[in-house]
C-alpha cells in the first residue's frame, strides 16, 4: 500500500504523521514535555520509543509502515471520540443543574418538561441517574 510512492508523497506522509502525533499528544498530555509525550505515544501506539521519536521529530529517511500509519490515523478518531464524550458529559451536567434549579422553584409545574428533556438527552440509551433519584423520592 505504501510501497510505491514518490519521495514527495512519503515526505508529506511523514509530515502528516508527525503533526498528528504532536497535536494528539499536546492535547492529551498538555503539562508534559516532548520526551514524556513521546514515551506515552509509544505505549498508546504499541511502537518502540526510538521509532516513535523518529516519526515524532520527522527525522530524514523515516519510512512509515502501513500499520504505523493506520495506528497514527486512529489517534485522530480517538481524539474526536474523546471530545464527543467530554461534550456529552458537560451537557448532562448542565441539564442536571438546570433541572435542579427548575424543580426547586415548582416541581409539579416543571416535571413534564424535565421528563421530555431527559428523554431527548438520553436518546433512548437508558435513564440517567437524576431520573431514578427523582422517582425514588417521589414514591416515598
Protein backbone atom coordinates (compact mmCIF):
# COMPACT_ATOMS: atom_id res chain seq x y z
CA UNK A 1 0.00 0.00 0.00
CA UNK A 2 2.75 2.45 0.95
CA UNK A 3 5.47 0.78 -1.13
CA UNK A 4 5.03 2.56 -4.48
CA UNK A 5 5.00 6.23 -3.61
CA UNK A 6 7.15 9.08 -4.76
CA UNK A 7 9.66 10.68 -2.46
CA UNK A 8 7.42 13.74 -2.15
CA UNK A 9 4.41 11.62 -1.13
CA UNK A 10 6.47 9.78 1.50
CA UNK A 11 7.77 13.07 2.82
CA UNK A 12 4.27 14.53 3.04
CA UNK A 13 3.01 11.40 4.81
CA UNK A 14 5.83 11.69 7.37
CA UNK A 15 4.95 15.34 7.98
CA UNK A 16 1.27 14.46 8.41
CA UNK A 17 2.13 11.65 10.83
CA UNK A 18 4.42 13.90 12.85
CA UNK A 19 1.83 16.68 13.05
CA UNK A 20 -0.94 14.25 14.02
CA UNK A 21 1.19 12.77 16.78
CA UNK A 22 2.23 16.18 18.08
CA UNK A 23 -1.31 17.53 18.02
CA UNK A 24 -2.78 14.48 19.78
CA UNK A 25 -0.02 14.38 22.41
CA UNK A 26 -0.25 18.13 23.04
CA UNK A 27 -3.96 17.96 23.70
CA UNK A 28 -3.88 14.66 25.60
CA UNK A 29 -0.90 15.49 27.86
CA UNK A 30 -0.60 19.30 27.90
CA UNK A 31 1.58 19.50 31.02
CA UNK A 32 4.23 17.07 29.75
CA UNK A 33 7.36 17.89 27.81
CA UNK A 34 8.04 16.32 24.40
CA UNK A 35 10.08 13.46 25.86
CA UNK A 36 7.21 12.43 28.14
CA UNK A 37 4.71 12.74 25.30
CA UNK A 38 6.82 10.51 23.05
CA UNK A 39 7.01 7.93 25.82
CA UNK A 40 3.22 7.93 26.24
CA UNK A 41 2.72 7.79 22.47
CA UNK A 42 4.99 4.74 22.28
CA UNK A 43 2.69 3.00 24.75
CA UNK A 44 -0.53 4.10 23.02
CA UNK A 45 0.72 3.17 19.53
CA UNK A 46 2.46 -0.03 20.58
CA UNK A 47 5.74 1.06 18.97
CA UNK A 48 9.24 1.37 20.32
CA UNK A 49 10.36 4.64 21.85
CA UNK A 50 13.09 5.18 19.25
CA UNK A 51 10.67 4.58 16.38
CA UNK A 52 8.13 6.99 17.85
CA UNK A 53 10.86 9.61 18.34
CA UNK A 54 11.90 9.26 14.69
CA UNK A 55 8.36 9.77 13.46
CA UNK A 56 7.50 12.46 16.03
CA UNK A 57 10.56 14.52 15.11
CA UNK A 58 10.14 13.77 11.38
CA UNK A 59 13.73 12.63 11.04
CA UNK A 60 15.11 12.40 7.50
CA UNK A 61 14.88 8.94 6.00
CA UNK A 62 11.92 7.78 8.09
CA UNK A 63 9.69 5.46 6.13
CA UNK A 64 6.31 4.76 7.61
CA UNK A 65 4.89 1.27 7.52
CA UNK A 66 1.23 0.75 6.72
CA UNK A 67 0.37 -0.47 10.24
CA UNK A 68 2.17 2.51 11.79
CA UNK A 69 0.27 4.98 9.64
CA UNK A 70 -3.01 3.22 10.47
CA UNK A 71 -2.26 3.47 14.20
CA UNK A 72 -1.38 7.16 13.87
CA UNK A 73 -4.55 7.89 11.91
CA UNK A 74 -6.52 6.11 14.63
CA UNK A 75 -5.29 8.80 17.03
CA UNK A 76 -7.40 11.34 15.12
CA UNK A 77 -10.51 9.18 15.56
CA UNK A 78 -9.70 8.65 19.23
CA UNK A 79 -9.33 12.41 19.73
CA UNK A 80 -12.76 13.05 18.18
CA UNK A 81 -14.39 10.33 20.28
CA UNK A 82 -12.87 11.74 23.47
CA UNK A 83 -14.09 15.23 22.58
CA UNK A 84 -17.59 13.94 21.90
CA UNK A 85 -17.64 12.04 25.18
CA UNK A 86 -16.46 15.14 27.08
CA UNK A 87 -19.06 17.36 25.36
CA UNK A 88 -21.83 14.89 26.21
CA UNK A 89 -20.77 14.73 29.86
CA UNK A 90 -20.70 18.52 30.05
CA UNK A 91 -24.18 18.68 28.52
CA UNK A 92 -25.52 16.16 31.02
CA UNK A 93 -24.04 18.17 33.91
CA UNK A 94 -25.55 21.39 32.61
CA UNK A 95 -29.00 19.84 32.21
CA UNK A 96 -28.83 18.37 35.71
CA UNK A 97 -28.04 21.81 37.17
CA UNK A 98 -30.87 23.45 35.21
CA UNK A 99 -33.26 20.67 36.16
CA UNK A 100 -32.42 21.04 39.84
CA UNK A 101 -32.97 24.80 39.67
CA UNK A 102 -36.34 24.45 37.93
CA UNK A 103 -37.59 21.68 40.19
CA UNK A 104 -36.62 23.71 43.26
CA UNK A 105 -38.91 26.52 42.09
CA UNK A 106 -42.03 24.47 41.24
CA UNK A 107 -41.63 20.74 40.99
CA UNK A 108 -45.11 19.82 39.73
CA UNK A 109 -45.16 22.51 37.04
CA UNK A 110 -41.75 21.65 35.55
CA UNK A 111 -41.93 17.86 35.90
CA UNK A 112 -43.37 17.15 32.38
CA UNK A 113 -40.84 19.43 30.70
CA UNK A 114 -37.96 17.81 32.58
CA UNK A 115 -39.16 14.34 31.62
CA UNK A 116 -39.22 15.34 27.95
CA UNK A 117 -35.80 16.94 28.23
CA UNK A 118 -34.33 13.85 29.90
CA UNK A 119 -35.74 11.63 27.18
CA UNK A 120 -34.25 13.83 24.46
CA UNK A 121 -30.83 13.85 26.10
CA UNK A 122 -30.77 10.13 26.85
CA UNK A 123 -31.69 9.44 23.25
CA UNK A 124 -33.09 6.06 24.11
CA UNK A 125 -29.84 4.93 25.74
CA UNK A 126 -31.37 4.38 29.13
CA UNK A 127 -32.20 6.56 32.04
CA UNK A 128 -29.76 8.85 33.72
CA UNK A 129 -29.11 8.95 37.45
CA UNK A 130 -31.22 12.05 38.08
CA UNK A 131 -34.37 10.30 36.82
CA UNK A 132 -34.07 7.29 39.09
CA UNK A 133 -33.23 9.50 42.10
CA UNK A 134 -36.25 11.71 41.36
CA UNK A 135 -38.60 8.74 41.08
CA UNK A 136 -37.32 7.25 44.34
CA UNK A 137 -38.03 10.47 46.24
CA UNK A 138 -41.42 10.92 44.60
CA UNK A 139 -42.59 7.42 45.52
CA UNK A 140 -41.79 7.86 49.24
